[in-house]
């Protein structure tokens, strides 16, 4: 083996050792180890459940905010076929018009669920977050621009585009159960 080759191997070896030491120091001194946890949350701020749930673990109400009769029942059946837990279906009890594809109404316990549901509307649903809401049910309010739910492939692509669920403003991410 030539001297130049031995010197190159030594340099590469030293770089690898420095990289390893740097990584260990960075992990040990990581000040964001509890990032996303409720530690340091201002008093009175709600804890938002930012866990991305599977459809079988998501509870929803499906409401129709259009003049299309039976739309909520049809969409609720589509969600049932996709393993969602549909609690109620019918006309929007708030009787508000929704021009968008859909509106997702939820509280701190429904943040991760609403994030998943938004993917079923290809990121076209609007969020209507209510910090005072105490249940984990998401109201899916079908709007005038609704055509159909996304396919499984489209949902997966949309979830990739959306990234991870984020805690709404003036909330803190709830600690993750391990």
C-alpha atoms as a PDB file:
ATOM      1  CA  UNK A   1       0.000   0.000   0.000  1.00  0.00           C
ATOM      2  CA  UNK A   2       1.348   3.389  -0.908  1.00  0.00           C
ATOM      3  CA  UNK A   3       2.027   6.132   1.598  1.00  0.00           C
ATOM      4  CA  UNK A   4      -0.621   8.381  -0.009  1.00  0.00           C
ATOM      5  CA  UNK A   5      -3.244   5.688   0.351  1.00  0.00           C
ATOM      6  CA  UNK A   6      -2.378   5.064   4.044  1.00  0.00           C
ATOM      7  CA  UNK A   7      -2.499   8.810   4.701  1.00  0.00           C
ATOM      8  CA  UNK A   8      -5.922   9.030   3.023  1.00  0.00           C
ATOM      9  CA  UNK A   9      -7.257   6.172   5.177  1.00  0.00           C
ATOM     10  CA  UNK A  10      -5.939   7.849   8.335  1.00  0.00           C
ATOM     11  CA  UNK A  11      -7.595  11.148   7.381  1.00  0.00           C
ATOM     12  CA  UNK A  12     -10.908   9.411   6.645  1.00  0.00           C
ATOM     13  CA  UNK A  13     -10.653   7.502   9.935  1.00  0.00           C
ATOM     14  CA  UNK A  14     -10.009  10.706  11.894  1.00  0.00           C
ATOM     15  CA  UNK A  15     -12.944  12.427  10.196  1.00  0.00           C
ATOM     16  CA  UNK A  16     -15.189   9.512  11.120  1.00  0.00           C
ATOM     17  CA  UNK A  17     -14.061   9.684  14.769  1.00  0.00           C
ATOM     18  CA  UNK A  18     -14.653  13.464  14.895  1.00  0.00           C
ATOM     19  CA  UNK A  19     -18.120  13.019  13.346  1.00  0.00           C
ATOM     20  CA  UNK A  20     -18.987  10.363  15.914  1.00  0.00           C
ATOM     21  CA  UNK A  21     -17.772  12.532  18.816  1.00  0.00           C
ATOM     22  CA  UNK A  22     -19.700  15.518  17.451  1.00  0.00           C
ATOM     23  CA  UNK A  23     -22.906  13.462  17.151  1.00  0.00           C
ATOM     24  CA  UNK A  24     -22.594  12.095  20.704  1.00  0.00           C
ATOM     25  CA  UNK A  25     -21.969  15.580  22.145  1.00  0.00           C
ATOM     26  CA  UNK A  26     -24.920  16.991  20.205  1.00  0.00           C
ATOM     27  CA  UNK A  27     -27.244  14.271  21.519  1.00  0.00           C
ATOM     28  CA  UNK A  28     -26.046  14.616  25.117  1.00  0.00           C
ATOM     29  CA  UNK A  29     -26.366  18.403  25.132  1.00  0.00           C
ATOM     30  CA  UNK A  30     -29.644  18.463  23.174  1.00  0.00           C
ATOM     31  CA  UNK A  31     -31.797  21.165  24.726  1.00  0.00           C
ATOM     32  CA  UNK A  32     -34.798  20.104  22.641  1.00  0.00           C
ATOM     33  CA  UNK A  33     -35.053  16.626  24.088  1.00  0.00           C
ATOM     34  CA  UNK A  34     -38.482  17.500  25.457  1.00  0.00           C
ATOM     35  CA  UNK A  35     -39.577  19.463  22.399  1.00  0.00           C
ATOM     36  CA  UNK A  36     -43.218  18.807  21.768  1.00  0.00           C
ATOM     37  CA  UNK A  37     -43.883  17.984  25.414  1.00  0.00           C
ATOM     38  CA  UNK A  38     -45.945  20.142  27.741  1.00  0.00           C
ATOM     39  CA  UNK A  39     -42.900  21.105  29.819  1.00  0.00           C
ATOM     40  CA  UNK A  40     -42.698  24.889  29.972  1.00  0.00           C
ATOM     41  CA  UNK A  41     -46.247  25.377  28.740  1.00  0.00           C
ATOM     42  CA  UNK A  42     -47.778  28.670  29.939  1.00  0.00           C
ATOM     43  CA  UNK A  43     -50.430  28.266  32.618  1.00  0.00           C
ATOM     44  CA  UNK A  44     -53.926  27.929  31.250  1.00  0.00           C
ATOM     45  CA  UNK A  45     -52.914  26.834  27.768  1.00  0.00           C
ATOM     46  CA  UNK A  46     -54.615  23.615  26.667  1.00  0.00           C
ATOM     47  CA  UNK A  47     -52.591  20.538  25.775  1.00  0.00           C
ATOM     48  CA  UNK A  48     -53.132  19.551  22.142  1.00  0.00           C
ATOM     49  CA  UNK A  49     -53.052  15.873  21.204  1.00  0.00           C
ATOM     50  CA  UNK A  50     -50.882  15.981  18.072  1.00  0.00           C
ATOM     51  CA  UNK A  51     -50.743  12.200  17.672  1.00  0.00           C
ATOM     52  CA  UNK A  52     -51.523  11.175  14.107  1.00  0.00           C
ATOM     53  CA  UNK A  53     -54.190   8.506  14.558  1.00  0.00           C
ATOM     54  CA  UNK A  54     -55.212   5.570  12.401  1.00  0.00           C
ATOM     55  CA  UNK A  55     -58.676   5.922  10.893  1.00  0.00           C
ATOM     56  CA  UNK A  56     -60.072   3.193  13.184  1.00  0.00           C
ATOM     57  CA  UNK A  57     -59.194   5.378  16.201  1.00  0.00           C
ATOM     58  CA  UNK A  58     -60.792   8.589  14.881  1.00  0.00           C
ATOM     59  CA  UNK A  59     -64.289   9.616  16.021  1.00  0.00           C
ATOM     60  CA  UNK A  60     -66.250  11.920  13.736  1.00  0.00           C
ATOM     61  CA  UNK A  61     -69.613  13.541  13.211  1.00  0.00           C
ATOM     62  CA  UNK A  62     -70.476  14.192   9.570  1.00  0.00           C
ATOM     63  CA  UNK A  63     -72.650  17.215   8.874  1.00  0.00           C
ATOM     64  CA  UNK A  64     -74.078  18.611   5.659  1.00  0.00           C
ATOM     65  CA  UNK A  65     -73.792  22.382   5.157  1.00  0.00           C
ATOM     66  CA  UNK A  66     -75.177  22.273   1.608  1.00  0.00           C
ATOM     67  CA  UNK A  67     -78.654  22.006   0.111  1.00  0.00           C
ATOM     68  CA  UNK A  68     -77.855  18.527  -1.283  1.00  0.00           C
ATOM     69  CA  UNK A  69     -80.188  16.135   0.531  1.00  0.00           C
ATOM     70  CA  UNK A  70     -78.592  13.034   2.050  1.00  0.00           C
ATOM     71  CA  UNK A  71     -75.015  14.171   1.490  1.00  0.00           C
ATOM     72  CA  UNK A  72     -73.967  13.699   5.122  1.00  0.00           C
ATOM     73  CA  UNK A  73     -75.315  10.143   5.187  1.00  0.00           C
ATOM     74  CA  UNK A  74     -73.446   9.240   1.982  1.00  0.00           C
ATOM     75  CA  UNK A  75     -70.160  10.769   3.172  1.00  0.00           C
ATOM     76  CA  UNK A  76     -70.601   9.135   6.607  1.00  0.00           C
ATOM     77  CA  UNK A  77     -70.947   5.758   4.854  1.00  0.00           C
ATOM     78  CA  UNK A  78     -67.746   6.468   2.896  1.00  0.00           C
ATOM     79  CA  UNK A  79     -65.945   7.219   6.168  1.00  0.00           C
ATOM     80  CA  UNK A  80     -67.366   4.054   7.795  1.00  0.00           C
ATOM     81  CA  UNK A  81     -66.034   2.041   4.851  1.00  0.00           C
ATOM     82  CA  UNK A  82     -62.626   3.551   5.622  1.00  0.00           C
ATOM     83  CA  UNK A  83     -62.913   2.374   9.256  1.00  0.00           C
ATOM     84  CA  UNK A  84     -63.678   5.741  10.911  1.00  0.00           C
ATOM     85  CA  UNK A  85     -65.967   5.771  13.963  1.00  0.00           C
ATOM     86  CA  UNK A  86     -68.940   7.813  12.742  1.00  0.00           C
ATOM     87  CA  UNK A  87     -70.997   9.030  15.718  1.00  0.00           C
ATOM     88  CA  UNK A  88     -73.578  11.271  14.026  1.00  0.00           C
ATOM     89  CA  UNK A  89     -74.602  12.219  10.508  1.00  0.00           C
ATOM     90  CA  UNK A  90     -77.094  14.847   9.402  1.00  0.00           C
ATOM     91  CA  UNK A  91     -77.508  18.529   8.677  1.00  0.00           C
ATOM     92  CA  UNK A  92     -75.085  20.983  10.269  1.00  0.00           C
ATOM     93  CA  UNK A  93     -76.489  21.931  13.700  1.00  0.00           C
ATOM     94  CA  UNK A  94     -74.733  25.312  13.449  1.00  0.00           C
ATOM     95  CA  UNK A  95     -76.593  25.983  10.190  1.00  0.00           C
ATOM     96  CA  UNK A  96     -73.624  27.909   8.781  1.00  0.00           C
ATOM     97  CA  UNK A  97     -72.760  27.847   5.121  1.00  0.00           C
ATOM     98  CA  UNK A  98     -69.410  26.359   4.164  1.00  0.00           C
ATOM     99  CA  UNK A  99     -68.191  27.439   0.732  1.00  0.00           C
ATOM    100  CA  UNK A 100     -65.034  25.311   0.911  1.00  0.00           C
ATOM    101  CA  UNK A 101     -64.767  21.549   0.389  1.00  0.00           C
ATOM    102  CA  UNK A 102     -65.231  20.973   4.121  1.00  0.00           C
ATOM    103  CA  UNK A 103     -64.701  22.470   7.551  1.00  0.00           C
ATOM    104  CA  UNK A 104     -63.165  20.472  10.394  1.00  0.00           C
ATOM    105  CA  UNK A 105     -64.366  21.538  13.858  1.00  0.00           C
ATOM    106  CA  UNK A 106     -62.394  20.147  16.769  1.00  0.00           C
ATOM    107  CA  UNK A 107     -60.788  20.857  20.124  1.00  0.00           C
ATOM    108  CA  UNK A 108     -57.371  20.169  21.671  1.00  0.00           C
ATOM    109  CA  UNK A 109     -58.000  16.402  21.870  1.00  0.00           C
ATOM    110  CA  UNK A 110     -58.823  16.234  18.149  1.00  0.00           C
ATOM    111  CA  UNK A 111     -55.779  17.951  16.616  1.00  0.00           C
ATOM    112  CA  UNK A 112     -54.107  14.797  15.274  1.00  0.00           C
ATOM    113  CA  UNK A 113     -57.439  13.395  14.082  1.00  0.00           C
ATOM    114  CA  UNK A 114     -58.301  16.623  12.234  1.00  0.00           C
ATOM    115  CA  UNK A 115     -54.883  16.510  10.574  1.00  0.00           C
ATOM    116  CA  UNK A 116     -55.595  13.016   9.233  1.00  0.00           C
ATOM    117  CA  UNK A 117     -59.064  14.053   8.064  1.00  0.00           C
ATOM    118  CA  UNK A 118     -57.660  17.045   6.207  1.00  0.00           C
ATOM    119  CA  UNK A 119     -55.745  14.604   4.003  1.00  0.00           C
ATOM    120  CA  UNK A 120     -59.055  13.002   2.973  1.00  0.00           C
ATOM    121  CA  UNK A 121     -59.977  16.398   1.514  1.00  0.00           C
ATOM    122  CA  UNK A 122     -56.542  16.839  -0.138  1.00  0.00           C
ATOM    123  CA  UNK A 123     -55.638  19.709   2.203  1.00  0.00           C
ATOM    124  CA  UNK A 124     -58.670  21.693   1.025  1.00  0.00           C
ATOM    125  CA  UNK A 125     -60.664  21.550   4.286  1.00  0.00           C
ATOM    126  CA  UNK A 126     -60.500  24.527   6.631  1.00  0.00           C
ATOM    127  CA  UNK A 127     -59.731  24.137  10.312  1.00  0.00           C
ATOM    128  CA  UNK A 128     -62.165  25.518  12.892  1.00  0.00           C
ATOM    129  CA  UNK A 129     -60.321  24.978  16.166  1.00  0.00           C
ATOM    130  CA  UNK A 130     -62.181  25.561  19.464  1.00  0.00           C
ATOM    131  CA  UNK A 131     -59.887  25.608  22.511  1.00  0.00           C
ATOM    132  CA  UNK A 132     -62.886  25.095  24.837  1.00  0.00           C
ATOM    133  CA  UNK A 133     -64.073  21.905  23.189  1.00  0.00           C
ATOM    134  CA  UNK A 134     -63.368  18.970  25.509  1.00  0.00           C
ATOM    135  CA  UNK A 135     -64.080  15.851  23.436  1.00  0.00           C
ATOM    136  CA  UNK A 136     -61.898  14.074  20.895  1.00  0.00           C
ATOM    137  CA  UNK A 137     -64.577  14.008  18.188  1.00  0.00           C
ATOM    138  CA  UNK A 138     -64.040  15.974  14.973  1.00  0.00           C
ATOM    139  CA  UNK A 139     -67.039  17.476  13.215  1.00  0.00           C
ATOM    140  CA  UNK A 140     -66.631  17.052   9.469  1.00  0.00           C
ATOM    141  CA  UNK A 141     -68.841  19.679   7.855  1.00  0.00           C
ATOM    142  CA  UNK A 142     -69.297  19.050   4.134  1.00  0.00           C
ATOM    143  CA  UNK A 143     -69.252  22.260   2.104  1.00  0.00           C
ATOM    144  CA  UNK A 144     -70.436  23.465  -1.278  1.00  0.00           C
ATOM    145  CA  UNK A 145     -67.136  22.648  -3.056  1.00  0.00           C
ATOM    146  CA  UNK A 146     -67.141  18.976  -1.955  1.00  0.00           C
ATOM    147  CA  UNK A 147     -67.004  16.359  -4.717  1.00  0.00           C
ATOM    148  CA  UNK A 148     -65.625  13.181  -3.124  1.00  0.00           C
ATOM    149  CA  UNK A 149     -63.188  11.844  -0.553  1.00  0.00           C
ATOM    150  CA  UNK A 150     -59.631  11.200  -1.673  1.00  0.00           C
ATOM    151  CA  UNK A 151     -58.436   7.710  -2.576  1.00  0.00           C
ATOM    152  CA  UNK A 152     -56.030   5.871  -0.284  1.00  0.00           C
ATOM    153  CA  UNK A 153     -53.089   6.796  -2.524  1.00  0.00           C
ATOM    154  CA  UNK A 154     -54.134  10.448  -2.590  1.00  0.00           C
ATOM    155  CA  UNK A 155     -54.536  10.465   1.203  1.00  0.00           C
ATOM    156  CA  UNK A 156     -51.036   9.057   1.670  1.00  0.00           C
ATOM    157  CA  UNK A 157     -49.568  11.646  -0.693  1.00  0.00           C
ATOM    158  CA  UNK A 158     -51.503  14.422   1.014  1.00  0.00           C
ATOM    159  CA  UNK A 159     -50.263  13.303   4.446  1.00  0.00           C
ATOM    160  CA  UNK A 160     -46.718  13.481   3.125  1.00  0.00           C
ATOM    161  CA  UNK A 161     -47.355  17.028   1.909  1.00  0.00           C
ATOM    162  CA  UNK A 162     -49.018  18.064   5.191  1.00  0.00           C
ATOM    163  CA  UNK A 163     -46.201  16.774   7.404  1.00  0.00           C
ATOM    164  CA  UNK A 164     -46.752  16.160  11.110  1.00  0.00           C
ATOM    165  CA  UNK A 165     -49.703  17.555  13.069  1.00  0.00           C
ATOM    166  CA  UNK A 166     -48.891  20.862  14.773  1.00  0.00           C
ATOM    167  CA  UNK A 167     -50.348  22.255  17.978  1.00  0.00           C
ATOM    168  CA  UNK A 168     -52.666  25.212  17.270  1.00  0.00           C
ATOM    169  CA  UNK A 169     -51.702  28.701  18.401  1.00  0.00           C
ATOM    170  CA  UNK A 170     -51.847  29.207  22.191  1.00  0.00           C
ATOM    171  CA  UNK A 171     -51.673  25.462  22.911  1.00  0.00           C
ATOM    172  CA  UNK A 172     -48.853  23.118  23.824  1.00  0.00           C
ATOM    173  CA  UNK A 173     -48.326  19.625  22.435  1.00  0.00           C
ATOM    174  CA  UNK A 174     -49.467  17.033  24.951  1.00  0.00           C
ATOM    175  CA  UNK A 175     -46.818  14.598  26.198  1.00  0.00           C
ATOM    176  CA  UNK A 176     -46.713  11.409  24.147  1.00  0.00           C
ATOM    177  CA  UNK A 177     -47.563   8.209  25.983  1.00  0.00           C
ATOM    178  CA  UNK A 178     -44.710   5.736  25.649  1.00  0.00           C
END
